[in-house]
Structures are given as C-alpha cells and as structure tokens.
Amino acid sequence: MSRIAFLVVAGFVALTSFLGGLVMALGSWLGPERLGLPPEVMIPNSMLAGSPFASFLVPGILLAVIVGGTHVAAVVLVIGNHRWGQLMAAAAGYSILIWIFVQMVFIPFSVLQLVYFLAGLAEIGFLLLMLGLLTPQGATHVHTASEPRRSVQGA
C-alpha cells in the first residue's frame, strides 16, 4: 500500500515538475506566445526580484532536470524493485522539499507551494513506511529473524 501511494505521489510530482519546468524554461526563452500560451499564464519575471535569476529559464531547467528527473528515476527504480530505489525515493522527496524551501525565500507564498511541500512530506512518510521504520497507527510490529529480541531486565 505505501509503495503504491509513494508511486502515485512521486509520479504526480515527476510529471508536473518536468512539464512545469519545461514550460517555465521554454516560455522564458521563446516567449509564451510561441508555445501557444496566453501571456497571462506565465509568472512575471518581477517575481524573481532579489533572486539570482533574471528570468525563469534556469529555474525551469533546474525544476525539470533535478526535481522532475530525480522523481522519474525514483519511480522507475521503485517500480523495478531496484536496490537503489529507496535511496532515490529519499532523494526525490528531499529534492521537492528543498525546492519549495528555496522558492519560499524568493517568491511569496502560494497554495501550490503548500501542495508540493505536503507532497514531499508524503513521499518521505511513504518511504519510511516502505522501509518499515514507521508503522501505521494501530499496526503491530512483527519481529523478523534478523532483528534481535529485546528482553526486559529486572522484571
């Protein structure tokens, strides 16, 4: 269940990060009208005042490649049960959290920031469930052969 939930959330973040970053970069580079978009859908460059960027070209590329790419890799590796899947899942979850933290330094709060911050927290939570480090409330923990049994001293 937690694996499927992780894949749904990470897949959503992968798709929207990649496409959003692509639109940001291409819209900044080519102009929204060449993408067939009305100019009002693009975030004005004035939102980047005080940031190291003059346009959304570089942030768009970073969003698509780093956040989107990390999430795509995590989804593919988790689906394939690859030994690096859980590590990439952690990297993906933290990448969106870091992205939102940095974004909030430069761009005023928006509901989308909250949505993606919660998505990142959900990814980390689902990963902890997949790893068995967190159990759903009310669930009992089953000891495996590799876990040492704890004894009660002085009872």
C-alpha atoms as a PDB file:
ATOM      1  CA  MET A   1       0.000   0.000   0.000  1.00  0.00           C
ATOM      2  CA  SER A   2       2.721   2.528   0.928  1.00  0.00           C
ATOM      3  CA  ARG A   3       4.664   1.610  -2.226  1.00  0.00           C
ATOM      4  CA  ILE A   4       1.670   2.339  -4.441  1.00  0.00           C
ATOM      5  CA  ALA A   5       0.917   5.563  -2.559  1.00  0.00           C
ATOM      6  CA  PHE A   6       4.540   6.640  -2.969  1.00  0.00           C
ATOM      7  CA  LEU A   7       4.414   5.887  -6.701  1.00  0.00           C
ATOM      8  CA  VAL A   8       1.209   7.912  -7.136  1.00  0.00           C
ATOM      9  CA  VAL A   9       2.571  10.977  -5.311  1.00  0.00           C
ATOM     10  CA  ALA A  10       6.056  10.736  -6.834  1.00  0.00           C
ATOM     11  CA  GLY A  11       4.564  10.175 -10.304  1.00  0.00           C
ATOM     12  CA  PHE A  12       2.431  13.301  -9.898  1.00  0.00           C
ATOM     13  CA  VAL A  13       5.442  15.359  -8.774  1.00  0.00           C
ATOM     14  CA  ALA A  14       7.587  13.889 -11.577  1.00  0.00           C
ATOM     15  CA  LEU A  15       5.085  14.761 -14.280  1.00  0.00           C
ATOM     16  CA  THR A  16       4.201  18.231 -13.034  1.00  0.00           C
ATOM     17  CA  SER A  17       7.799  19.180 -12.186  1.00  0.00           C
ATOM     18  CA  PHE A  18       9.093  18.084 -15.556  1.00  0.00           C
ATOM     19  CA  LEU A  19       6.301  19.700 -17.564  1.00  0.00           C
ATOM     20  CA  GLY A  20       6.171  22.823 -15.373  1.00  0.00           C
ATOM     21  CA  GLY A  21       9.926  23.289 -15.606  1.00  0.00           C
ATOM     22  CA  LEU A  22       9.815  22.768 -19.355  1.00  0.00           C
ATOM     23  CA  VAL A  23       7.057  25.374 -19.769  1.00  0.00           C
ATOM     24  CA  MET A  24       8.938  27.809 -17.499  1.00  0.00           C
ATOM     25  CA  ALA A  25      12.200  27.392 -19.417  1.00  0.00           C
ATOM     26  CA  LEU A  26      10.750  27.394 -22.924  1.00  0.00           C
ATOM     27  CA  GLY A  27       8.275  30.161 -22.121  1.00  0.00           C
ATOM     28  CA  SER A  28      11.110  32.290 -20.783  1.00  0.00           C
ATOM     29  CA  TRP A  29      13.381  31.513 -23.720  1.00  0.00           C
ATOM     30  CA  LEU A  30      10.923  31.549 -26.630  1.00  0.00           C
ATOM     31  CA  GLY A  31       8.048  33.535 -25.167  1.00  0.00           C
ATOM     32  CA  PRO A  32       4.654  32.135 -24.162  1.00  0.00           C
ATOM     33  CA  GLU A  33       3.028  33.019 -27.477  1.00  0.00           C
ATOM     34  CA  ARG A  34       5.415  30.697 -29.373  1.00  0.00           C
ATOM     35  CA  LEU A  35       4.268  27.883 -27.073  1.00  0.00           C
ATOM     36  CA  GLY A  36       0.653  28.698 -27.871  1.00  0.00           C
ATOM     37  CA  LEU A  37       0.044  30.019 -24.357  1.00  0.00           C
ATOM     38  CA  PRO A  38      -1.577  33.314 -23.440  1.00  0.00           C
ATOM     39  CA  PRO A  39       0.986  35.668 -21.835  1.00  0.00           C
ATOM     40  CA  GLU A  40      -1.035  35.913 -18.607  1.00  0.00           C
ATOM     41  CA  VAL A  41      -0.356  32.254 -17.735  1.00  0.00           C
ATOM     42  CA  MET A  42       3.359  32.961 -17.347  1.00  0.00           C
ATOM     43  CA  ILE A  43       4.619  34.148 -13.979  1.00  0.00           C
ATOM     44  CA  PRO A  44       6.137  37.612 -14.401  1.00  0.00           C
ATOM     45  CA  ASN A  45       9.914  37.870 -14.087  1.00  0.00           C
ATOM     46  CA  SER A  46       9.344  40.540 -11.426  1.00  0.00           C
ATOM     47  CA  MET A  47       8.605  37.648  -9.017  1.00  0.00           C
ATOM     48  CA  LEU A  48      12.323  36.847  -9.225  1.00  0.00           C
ATOM     49  CA  ALA A  49      13.395  40.244  -7.847  1.00  0.00           C
ATOM     50  CA  GLY A  50      16.068  39.646  -5.218  1.00  0.00           C
ATOM     51  CA  SER A  51      16.878  36.184  -6.549  1.00  0.00           C
ATOM     52  CA  PRO A  52      19.998  35.255  -8.524  1.00  0.00           C
ATOM     53  CA  PHE A  53      17.855  34.825 -11.686  1.00  0.00           C
ATOM     54  CA  ALA A  54      16.650  37.423 -14.190  1.00  0.00           C
ATOM     55  CA  SER A  55      14.210  35.035 -15.890  1.00  0.00           C
ATOM     56  CA  PHE A  56      12.640  31.625 -15.355  1.00  0.00           C
ATOM     57  CA  LEU A  57      14.926  29.913 -17.875  1.00  0.00           C
ATOM     58  CA  VAL A  58      17.459  28.495 -15.386  1.00  0.00           C
ATOM     59  CA  PRO A  59      14.907  27.773 -12.611  1.00  0.00           C
ATOM     60  CA  GLY A  60      12.753  25.987 -15.206  1.00  0.00           C
ATOM     61  CA  ILE A  61      15.669  23.838 -16.348  1.00  0.00           C
ATOM     62  CA  LEU A  62      16.590  23.043 -12.728  1.00  0.00           C
ATOM     63  CA  LEU A  63      12.993  22.136 -11.875  1.00  0.00           C
ATOM     64  CA  ALA A  64      12.636  19.860 -14.900  1.00  0.00           C
ATOM     65  CA  VAL A  65      16.045  18.179 -14.655  1.00  0.00           C
ATOM     66  CA  ILE A  66      16.765  17.974 -10.929  1.00  0.00           C
ATOM     67  CA  VAL A  67      13.330  17.696  -9.316  1.00  0.00           C
ATOM     68  CA  GLY A  68      11.496  16.109 -12.242  1.00  0.00           C
ATOM     69  CA  GLY A  69      14.415  13.875 -13.227  1.00  0.00           C
ATOM     70  CA  THR A  70      15.015  12.686  -9.677  1.00  0.00           C
ATOM     71  CA  HIS A  71      11.337  11.814  -9.336  1.00  0.00           C
ATOM     72  CA  VAL A  72      11.257   9.978 -12.672  1.00  0.00           C
ATOM     73  CA  ALA A  73      14.326   7.980 -11.614  1.00  0.00           C
ATOM     74  CA  ALA A  74      12.738   7.189  -8.231  1.00  0.00           C
ATOM     75  CA  VAL A  75       9.503   5.996  -9.827  1.00  0.00           C
ATOM     76  CA  VAL A  76      11.336   3.793 -12.345  1.00  0.00           C
ATOM     77  CA  LEU A  77      13.665   2.293  -9.724  1.00  0.00           C
ATOM     78  CA  VAL A  78      10.903   1.667  -7.168  1.00  0.00           C
ATOM     79  CA  ILE A  79       8.682   0.038  -9.814  1.00  0.00           C
ATOM     80  CA  GLY A  80      11.603  -2.175 -10.831  1.00  0.00           C
ATOM     81  CA  ASN A  81      12.427  -3.042  -7.198  1.00  0.00           C
ATOM     82  CA  HIS A  82      15.974  -1.903  -7.894  1.00  0.00           C
ATOM     83  CA  ARG A  83      18.334  -1.869  -4.921  1.00  0.00           C
ATOM     84  CA  TRP A  84      18.814   1.908  -5.340  1.00  0.00           C
ATOM     85  CA  GLY A  85      15.072   2.587  -5.487  1.00  0.00           C
ATOM     86  CA  GLN A  86      14.622   3.551  -1.852  1.00  0.00           C
ATOM     87  CA  LEU A  87      17.676   5.803  -1.858  1.00  0.00           C
ATOM     88  CA  MET A  88      16.395   7.558  -4.989  1.00  0.00           C
ATOM     89  CA  ALA A  89      12.955   7.832  -3.370  1.00  0.00           C
ATOM     90  CA  ALA A  90      14.557   9.683  -0.447  1.00  0.00           C
ATOM     91  CA  ALA A  91      16.486  11.945  -2.829  1.00  0.00           C
ATOM     92  CA  ALA A  92      13.270  12.699  -4.732  1.00  0.00           C
ATOM     93  CA  GLY A  93      11.298  13.531  -1.594  1.00  0.00           C
ATOM     94  CA  TYR A  94      14.007  15.796  -0.264  1.00  0.00           C
ATOM     95  CA  SER A  95      14.531  17.442  -3.667  1.00  0.00           C
ATOM     96  CA  ILE A  96      10.978  18.804  -3.722  1.00  0.00           C
ATOM     97  CA  LEU A  97      11.184  19.900  -0.082  1.00  0.00           C
ATOM     98  CA  ILE A  98      14.438  21.768  -0.739  1.00  0.00           C
ATOM     99  CA  TRP A  99      12.981  23.255  -3.928  1.00  0.00           C
ATOM    100  CA  ILE A 100       9.998  24.624  -2.002  1.00  0.00           C
ATOM    101  CA  PHE A 101      12.167  25.932   0.883  1.00  0.00           C
ATOM    102  CA  VAL A 102      14.408  27.839  -1.543  1.00  0.00           C
ATOM    103  CA  GLN A 103      11.442  29.042  -3.589  1.00  0.00           C
ATOM    104  CA  MET A 104       9.748  30.462  -0.499  1.00  0.00           C
ATOM    105  CA  VAL A 105      12.816  32.595   0.205  1.00  0.00           C
ATOM    106  CA  PHE A 106      12.335  34.448  -3.087  1.00  0.00           C
ATOM    107  CA  ILE A 107       8.684  34.044  -4.088  1.00  0.00           C
ATOM    108  CA  PRO A 108       5.713  34.964  -1.892  1.00  0.00           C
ATOM    109  CA  PHE A 109       3.607  32.115  -0.518  1.00  0.00           C
ATOM    110  CA  SER A 110       1.178  30.354  -2.824  1.00  0.00           C
ATOM    111  CA  VAL A 111      -1.130  27.370  -2.367  1.00  0.00           C
ATOM    112  CA  LEU A 112       0.985  25.387  -4.852  1.00  0.00           C
ATOM    113  CA  GLN A 113       3.949  25.689  -2.511  1.00  0.00           C
ATOM    114  CA  LEU A 114       1.848  24.112   0.232  1.00  0.00           C
ATOM    115  CA  VAL A 115       0.643  21.340  -2.095  1.00  0.00           C
ATOM    116  CA  TYR A 116       4.184  20.411  -3.170  1.00  0.00           C
ATOM    117  CA  PHE A 117       5.576  20.720   0.357  1.00  0.00           C
ATOM    118  CA  LEU A 118       2.889  18.279   1.553  1.00  0.00           C
ATOM    119  CA  ALA A 119       3.663  16.013  -1.405  1.00  0.00           C
ATOM    120  CA  GLY A 120       7.329  15.936  -0.367  1.00  0.00           C
ATOM    121  CA  LEU A 121       6.396  15.127   3.237  1.00  0.00           C
ATOM    122  CA  ALA A 122       4.069  12.384   1.989  1.00  0.00           C
ATOM    123  CA  GLU A 123       6.864  10.897  -0.139  1.00  0.00           C
ATOM    124  CA  ILE A 124       9.191  10.769   2.862  1.00  0.00           C
ATOM    125  CA  GLY A 125       6.419   9.303   5.024  1.00  0.00           C
ATOM    126  CA  PHE A 126       5.588   6.600   2.463  1.00  0.00           C
ATOM    127  CA  LEU A 127       9.288   5.809   2.155  1.00  0.00           C
ATOM    128  CA  LEU A 128       9.556   5.371   5.931  1.00  0.00           C
ATOM    129  CA  LEU A 129       6.586   3.005   5.771  1.00  0.00           C
ATOM    130  CA  MET A 130       8.204   1.062   2.913  1.00  0.00           C
ATOM    131  CA  LEU A 131      11.402   0.753   4.935  1.00  0.00           C
ATOM    132  CA  GLY A 132       9.478  -0.442   7.980  1.00  0.00           C
ATOM    133  CA  LEU A 133      10.788   2.466  10.055  1.00  0.00           C
ATOM    134  CA  LEU A 134       7.299   3.809  10.568  1.00  0.00           C
ATOM    135  CA  THR A 135       4.182   1.749  11.112  1.00  0.00           C
ATOM    136  CA  PRO A 136       0.579   2.815  10.606  1.00  0.00           C
ATOM    137  CA  GLN A 137      -1.229   3.648  13.848  1.00  0.00           C
ATOM    138  CA  GLY A 138      -2.666   0.523  15.418  1.00  0.00           C
ATOM    139  CA  ALA A 139      -0.423  -1.839  13.448  1.00  0.00           C
ATOM    140  CA  THR A 140       1.614  -4.363  15.359  1.00  0.00           C
ATOM    141  CA  HIS A 141       5.271  -4.840  14.582  1.00  0.00           C
ATOM    142  CA  VAL A 142       6.301  -8.352  13.596  1.00  0.00           C
ATOM    143  CA  HIS A 143       9.834  -9.339  14.540  1.00  0.00           C
ATOM    144  CA  THR A 144      11.908 -10.829  11.761  1.00  0.00           C
ATOM    145  CA  ALA A 145      14.670 -13.369  12.172  1.00  0.00           C
ATOM    146  CA  SER A 146      17.323 -10.694  11.614  1.00  0.00           C
ATOM    147  CA  GLU A 147      16.027  -8.463  14.424  1.00  0.00           C
ATOM    148  CA  PRO A 148      17.381  -9.028  17.914  1.00  0.00           C
ATOM    149  CA  ARG A 149      14.736  -9.659  20.548  1.00  0.00           C
ATOM    150  CA  ARG A 150      14.670  -7.197  23.388  1.00  0.00           C
ATOM    151  CA  SER A 151      14.442  -8.629  26.853  1.00  0.00           C
ATOM    152  CA  VAL A 152      13.023  -6.842  29.851  1.00  0.00           C
ATOM    153  CA  GLN A 153      15.637  -6.511  32.610  1.00  0.00           C
ATOM    154  CA  GLY A 154      14.717  -6.661  36.259  1.00  0.00           C
ATOM    155  CA  ALA A 155      11.142  -7.859  35.822  1.00  0.00           C
END
